[in-house]
Amino acid sequence: MGSIILTTKNNNIVDYDEAEELVVYDMDSRKIVARLKKPSDPSLIEDLLEEHDPWIIVSGSMSPEVAEVLRDIGVKIEITNGGKLEDYISEVFV
C-alpha cells in the first residue's frame, strides 16, 4: 500500500511551514517507521524519502509554492484540521 507523510510539531499535525518533523507512517505495517527533520527546501523531500515511497502528505495547510513542488515530486496532498498525530492515525487507519 505504501506510506504517508505527516507534517508535525510536538506530535501534533501542523501546517507545513510550522512543522519540525516529517513522520512517515507505513500503511502496510500500520506503524510509524521514521521521524525525519523537515528540510528547509521542500524539493529535498524526494531524496529524503526515497526509501519510503510515500504517496500522500498530510498537513494542516501549505503554501501554493510548496504544494507545487510536492505535486511535481508525485506526492498527493491532504489538508486536515490538524490535531494529535496518534488521534489522526487511529481515526483514519482503523
N, C-alpha and C. Protein backbone atom coordinates (compact mmCIF):
# COMPACT_ATOMS: atom_id res chain seq x y z
N MET A 1 0.81 -1.20 0.00
CA MET A 1 0.00 0.00 0.00
C MET A 1 0.85 1.26 0.00
N GLY A 2 1.99 1.24 0.68
CA GLY A 2 2.85 2.41 0.70
C GLY A 2 2.85 3.12 2.03
N SER A 3 3.28 4.37 1.99
CA SER A 3 3.37 5.14 3.22
C SER A 3 2.84 6.55 2.99
N ILE A 4 2.58 7.21 4.11
CA ILE A 4 2.17 8.61 4.07
C ILE A 4 3.13 9.41 4.93
N ILE A 5 3.17 10.69 4.67
CA ILE A 5 3.99 11.62 5.45
C ILE A 5 3.03 12.55 6.18
N LEU A 6 3.32 12.81 7.44
CA LEU A 6 2.53 13.76 8.22
C LEU A 6 3.46 14.86 8.70
N THR A 7 3.06 16.11 8.52
CA THR A 7 3.89 17.24 8.98
C THR A 7 3.54 17.53 10.43
N THR A 8 4.53 17.42 11.31
CA THR A 8 4.24 17.51 12.74
C THR A 8 5.18 18.44 13.50
N LYS A 9 4.69 18.81 14.66
CA LYS A 9 5.47 19.55 15.66
C LYS A 9 4.91 19.13 17.01
N ASN A 10 5.75 18.64 17.88
CA ASN A 10 5.32 18.18 19.22
C ASN A 10 4.19 17.16 19.14
N ASN A 11 4.29 16.23 18.20
CA ASN A 11 3.30 15.16 18.00
C ASN A 11 1.92 15.66 17.61
N ASN A 12 1.85 16.85 17.04
CA ASN A 12 0.62 17.40 16.50
C ASN A 12 0.79 17.63 15.01
N ILE A 13 -0.24 17.37 14.23
CA ILE A 13 -0.21 17.68 12.81
C ILE A 13 -0.40 19.18 12.67
N VAL A 14 0.54 19.82 11.98
CA VAL A 14 0.53 21.27 11.84
C VAL A 14 0.73 21.66 10.38
N ASP A 15 0.66 22.95 10.10
CA ASP A 15 0.92 23.47 8.76
C ASP A 15 2.35 23.11 8.34
N TYR A 16 2.55 22.95 7.06
CA TYR A 16 3.86 22.57 6.55
C TYR A 16 4.95 23.53 7.02
N ASP A 17 4.70 24.83 6.93
CA ASP A 17 5.71 25.82 7.32
C ASP A 17 6.07 25.75 8.80
N GLU A 18 5.11 25.39 9.64
CA GLU A 18 5.32 25.32 11.08
C GLU A 18 5.98 24.00 11.51
N ALA A 19 5.86 22.97 10.69
CA ALA A 19 6.33 21.63 11.06
C ALA A 19 7.83 21.59 11.30
N GLU A 20 8.21 20.75 12.25
CA GLU A 20 9.62 20.49 12.53
C GLU A 20 10.02 19.11 12.03
N GLU A 21 9.04 18.19 11.98
CA GLU A 21 9.31 16.81 11.60
C GLU A 21 8.40 16.36 10.47
N LEU A 22 8.91 15.39 9.74
CA LEU A 22 8.09 14.64 8.79
C LEU A 22 8.00 13.23 9.36
N VAL A 23 6.80 12.82 9.71
CA VAL A 23 6.59 11.50 10.27
C VAL A 23 6.12 10.59 9.15
N VAL A 24 6.80 9.47 8.98
CA VAL A 24 6.46 8.52 7.93
C VAL A 24 5.70 7.36 8.56
N TYR A 25 4.45 7.17 8.10
CA TYR A 25 3.60 6.09 8.60
C TYR A 25 3.43 5.07 7.49
N ASP A 26 3.82 3.83 7.77
CA ASP A 26 3.69 2.74 6.81
C ASP A 26 2.31 2.13 6.94
N MET A 27 1.54 2.16 5.87
CA MET A 27 0.16 1.69 5.93
C MET A 27 0.07 0.17 5.93
N ASP A 28 1.09 -0.53 5.45
CA ASP A 28 1.06 -1.99 5.47
C ASP A 28 1.34 -2.52 6.87
N SER A 29 2.38 -2.01 7.50
CA SER A 29 2.72 -2.49 8.85
C SER A 29 1.95 -1.77 9.94
N ARG A 30 1.24 -0.70 9.55
CA ARG A 30 0.43 0.09 10.48
C ARG A 30 1.25 0.65 11.64
N LYS A 31 2.40 1.23 11.28
CA LYS A 31 3.22 1.85 12.33
C LYS A 31 4.06 2.97 11.74
N ILE A 32 4.52 3.84 12.63
CA ILE A 32 5.43 4.91 12.26
C ILE A 32 6.79 4.28 12.03
N VAL A 33 7.36 4.51 10.86
CA VAL A 33 8.65 3.90 10.52
C VAL A 33 9.80 4.90 10.50
N ALA A 34 9.49 6.19 10.53
CA ALA A 34 10.56 7.19 10.56
C ALA A 34 10.04 8.53 11.04
N ARG A 35 10.92 9.24 11.70
CA ARG A 35 10.69 10.63 12.10
C ARG A 35 11.90 11.40 11.61
N LEU A 36 11.67 12.27 10.63
CA LEU A 36 12.76 12.96 9.98
C LEU A 36 12.63 14.47 10.15
N LYS A 37 13.75 15.13 10.32
CA LYS A 37 13.74 16.59 10.40
C LYS A 37 13.30 17.14 9.04
N LYS A 38 12.34 18.04 9.07
CA LYS A 38 11.84 18.63 7.82
C LYS A 38 12.92 19.48 7.18
N PRO A 39 13.24 19.23 5.91
CA PRO A 39 14.24 20.06 5.24
C PRO A 39 13.69 21.46 4.98
N SER A 40 14.57 22.44 4.97
CA SER A 40 14.14 23.81 4.72
C SER A 40 13.67 24.00 3.27
N ASP A 41 14.19 23.20 2.37
CA ASP A 41 13.82 23.26 0.96
C ASP A 41 12.92 22.06 0.63
N PRO A 42 11.66 22.27 0.28
CA PRO A 42 10.76 21.15 0.03
C PRO A 42 11.20 20.23 -1.11
N SER A 43 12.02 20.72 -2.02
CA SER A 43 12.47 19.86 -3.12
C SER A 43 13.41 18.76 -2.62
N LEU A 44 13.95 18.90 -1.42
CA LEU A 44 14.82 17.87 -0.85
C LEU A 44 14.05 16.69 -0.27
N ILE A 45 12.74 16.83 -0.14
CA ILE A 45 11.93 15.75 0.40
C ILE A 45 12.05 14.50 -0.45
N GLU A 46 12.13 14.65 -1.75
CA GLU A 46 12.22 13.49 -2.64
C GLU A 46 13.41 12.61 -2.28
N ASP A 47 14.57 13.20 -2.09
CA ASP A 47 15.77 12.43 -1.73
C ASP A 47 15.65 11.85 -0.33
N LEU A 48 15.11 12.64 0.57
CA LEU A 48 14.99 12.24 1.96
C LEU A 48 14.08 11.03 2.13
N LEU A 49 13.03 10.96 1.33
CA LEU A 49 12.03 9.91 1.49
C LEU A 49 12.07 8.83 0.41
N GLU A 50 13.14 8.80 -0.36
CA GLU A 50 13.23 7.87 -1.47
C GLU A 50 12.97 6.42 -1.05
N GLU A 51 13.48 6.01 0.09
CA GLU A 51 13.32 4.62 0.51
C GLU A 51 11.92 4.29 1.03
N HIS A 52 11.13 5.31 1.38
CA HIS A 52 9.80 5.06 1.95
C HIS A 52 8.68 5.10 0.92
N ASP A 53 8.93 5.62 -0.25
CA ASP A 53 7.95 5.67 -1.34
C ASP A 53 6.58 6.21 -0.90
N PRO A 54 6.55 7.43 -0.35
CA PRO A 54 5.26 7.98 0.10
C PRO A 54 4.38 8.36 -1.08
N TRP A 55 3.07 8.27 -0.90
CA TRP A 55 2.16 8.67 -1.97
C TRP A 55 1.28 9.84 -1.56
N ILE A 56 1.31 10.21 -0.28
CA ILE A 56 0.49 11.34 0.17
C ILE A 56 1.19 12.04 1.33
N ILE A 57 0.99 13.35 1.42
CA ILE A 57 1.48 14.11 2.57
C ILE A 57 0.26 14.76 3.23
N VAL A 58 0.18 14.62 4.54
CA VAL A 58 -0.93 15.16 5.32
C VAL A 58 -0.41 16.35 6.11
N SER A 59 -1.10 17.48 5.99
CA SER A 59 -0.65 18.71 6.63
C SER A 59 -1.85 19.57 7.00
N GLY A 60 -1.63 20.49 7.91
CA GLY A 60 -2.68 21.44 8.27
C GLY A 60 -2.97 22.39 7.12
N SER A 61 -1.93 22.84 6.46
CA SER A 61 -2.04 23.66 5.26
C SER A 61 -0.64 23.80 4.68
N MET A 62 -0.56 24.34 3.46
CA MET A 62 0.75 24.62 2.87
C MET A 62 0.59 25.65 1.78
N SER A 63 1.65 26.35 1.54
CA SER A 63 1.63 27.40 0.52
C SER A 63 1.50 26.77 -0.86
N PRO A 64 0.96 27.52 -1.82
CA PRO A 64 0.86 27.00 -3.19
C PRO A 64 2.22 26.63 -3.78
N GLU A 65 3.27 27.35 -3.39
CA GLU A 65 4.61 27.06 -3.90
C GLU A 65 5.10 25.69 -3.43
N VAL A 66 4.93 25.41 -2.14
CA VAL A 66 5.34 24.11 -1.59
C VAL A 66 4.47 23.01 -2.19
N ALA A 67 3.18 23.25 -2.31
CA ALA A 67 2.27 22.26 -2.89
C ALA A 67 2.69 21.91 -4.31
N GLU A 68 3.09 22.89 -5.07
CA GLU A 68 3.52 22.64 -6.45
C GLU A 68 4.76 21.75 -6.49
N VAL A 69 5.73 22.03 -5.62
CA VAL A 69 6.94 21.23 -5.57
C VAL A 69 6.60 19.78 -5.22
N LEU A 70 5.75 19.59 -4.23
CA LEU A 70 5.38 18.24 -3.80
C LEU A 70 4.60 17.50 -4.87
N ARG A 71 3.72 18.18 -5.55
CA ARG A 71 2.97 17.54 -6.64
C ARG A 71 3.91 17.15 -7.79
N ASP A 72 4.90 17.99 -8.07
CA ASP A 72 5.88 17.68 -9.11
C ASP A 72 6.68 16.43 -8.75
N ILE A 73 6.93 16.23 -7.46
CA ILE A 73 7.63 15.03 -6.99
C ILE A 73 6.73 13.80 -7.16
N GLY A 74 5.43 14.01 -7.19
CA GLY A 74 4.49 12.90 -7.34
C GLY A 74 3.73 12.55 -6.07
N VAL A 75 3.78 13.44 -5.09
CA VAL A 75 3.10 13.21 -3.82
C VAL A 75 1.77 13.96 -3.82
N LYS A 76 0.71 13.27 -3.45
CA LYS A 76 -0.60 13.92 -3.32
C LYS A 76 -0.64 14.66 -1.98
N ILE A 77 -1.52 15.63 -1.88
CA ILE A 77 -1.62 16.46 -0.68
C ILE A 77 -3.00 16.32 -0.07
N GLU A 78 -3.02 16.09 1.23
CA GLU A 78 -4.26 16.01 2.00
C GLU A 78 -4.18 17.06 3.09
N ILE A 79 -5.12 18.00 3.09
CA ILE A 79 -5.17 19.04 4.12
C ILE A 79 -6.17 18.59 5.18
N THR A 80 -5.73 18.67 6.43
CA THR A 80 -6.56 18.26 7.55
C THR A 80 -6.63 19.38 8.57
N ASN A 81 -7.51 19.24 9.53
CA ASN A 81 -7.66 20.25 10.58
C ASN A 81 -6.54 20.20 11.61
N GLY A 82 -5.66 19.24 11.48
CA GLY A 82 -4.57 19.12 12.44
C GLY A 82 -4.99 18.25 13.61
N GLY A 83 -4.41 18.49 14.74
CA GLY A 83 -4.71 17.70 15.93
C GLY A 83 -3.58 16.74 16.25
N LYS A 84 -3.83 15.89 17.23
CA LYS A 84 -2.83 14.93 17.68
C LYS A 84 -2.53 13.90 16.61
N LEU A 85 -1.27 13.61 16.42
CA LEU A 85 -0.82 12.63 15.44
C LEU A 85 -1.47 11.27 15.68
N GLU A 86 -1.44 10.79 16.91
CA GLU A 86 -1.99 9.48 17.24
C GLU A 86 -3.50 9.43 16.98
N ASP A 87 -4.21 10.51 17.27
CA ASP A 87 -5.65 10.56 17.02
C ASP A 87 -5.95 10.45 15.54
N TYR A 88 -5.20 11.17 14.72
CA TYR A 88 -5.40 11.13 13.27
C TYR A 88 -5.16 9.72 12.74
N ILE A 89 -4.07 9.11 13.15
CA ILE A 89 -3.75 7.77 12.69
C ILE A 89 -4.84 6.78 13.09
N SER A 90 -5.28 6.84 14.34
CA SER A 90 -6.29 5.88 14.79
C SER A 90 -7.66 6.12 14.13
N GLU A 91 -7.98 7.35 13.77
CA GLU A 91 -9.25 7.64 13.10
C GLU A 91 -9.23 7.23 11.63
N VAL A 92 -8.13 7.47 10.94
CA VAL A 92 -8.06 7.23 9.50
C VAL A 92 -7.70 5.79 9.19
N PHE A 93 -6.86 5.19 9.99
CA PHE A 93 -6.37 3.84 9.69
C PHE A 93 -6.88 2.83 10.71
N VAL A 94 -8.16 2.73 10.86
CA VAL A 94 -8.78 1.81 11.82
C VAL A 94 -8.72 0.40 11.27
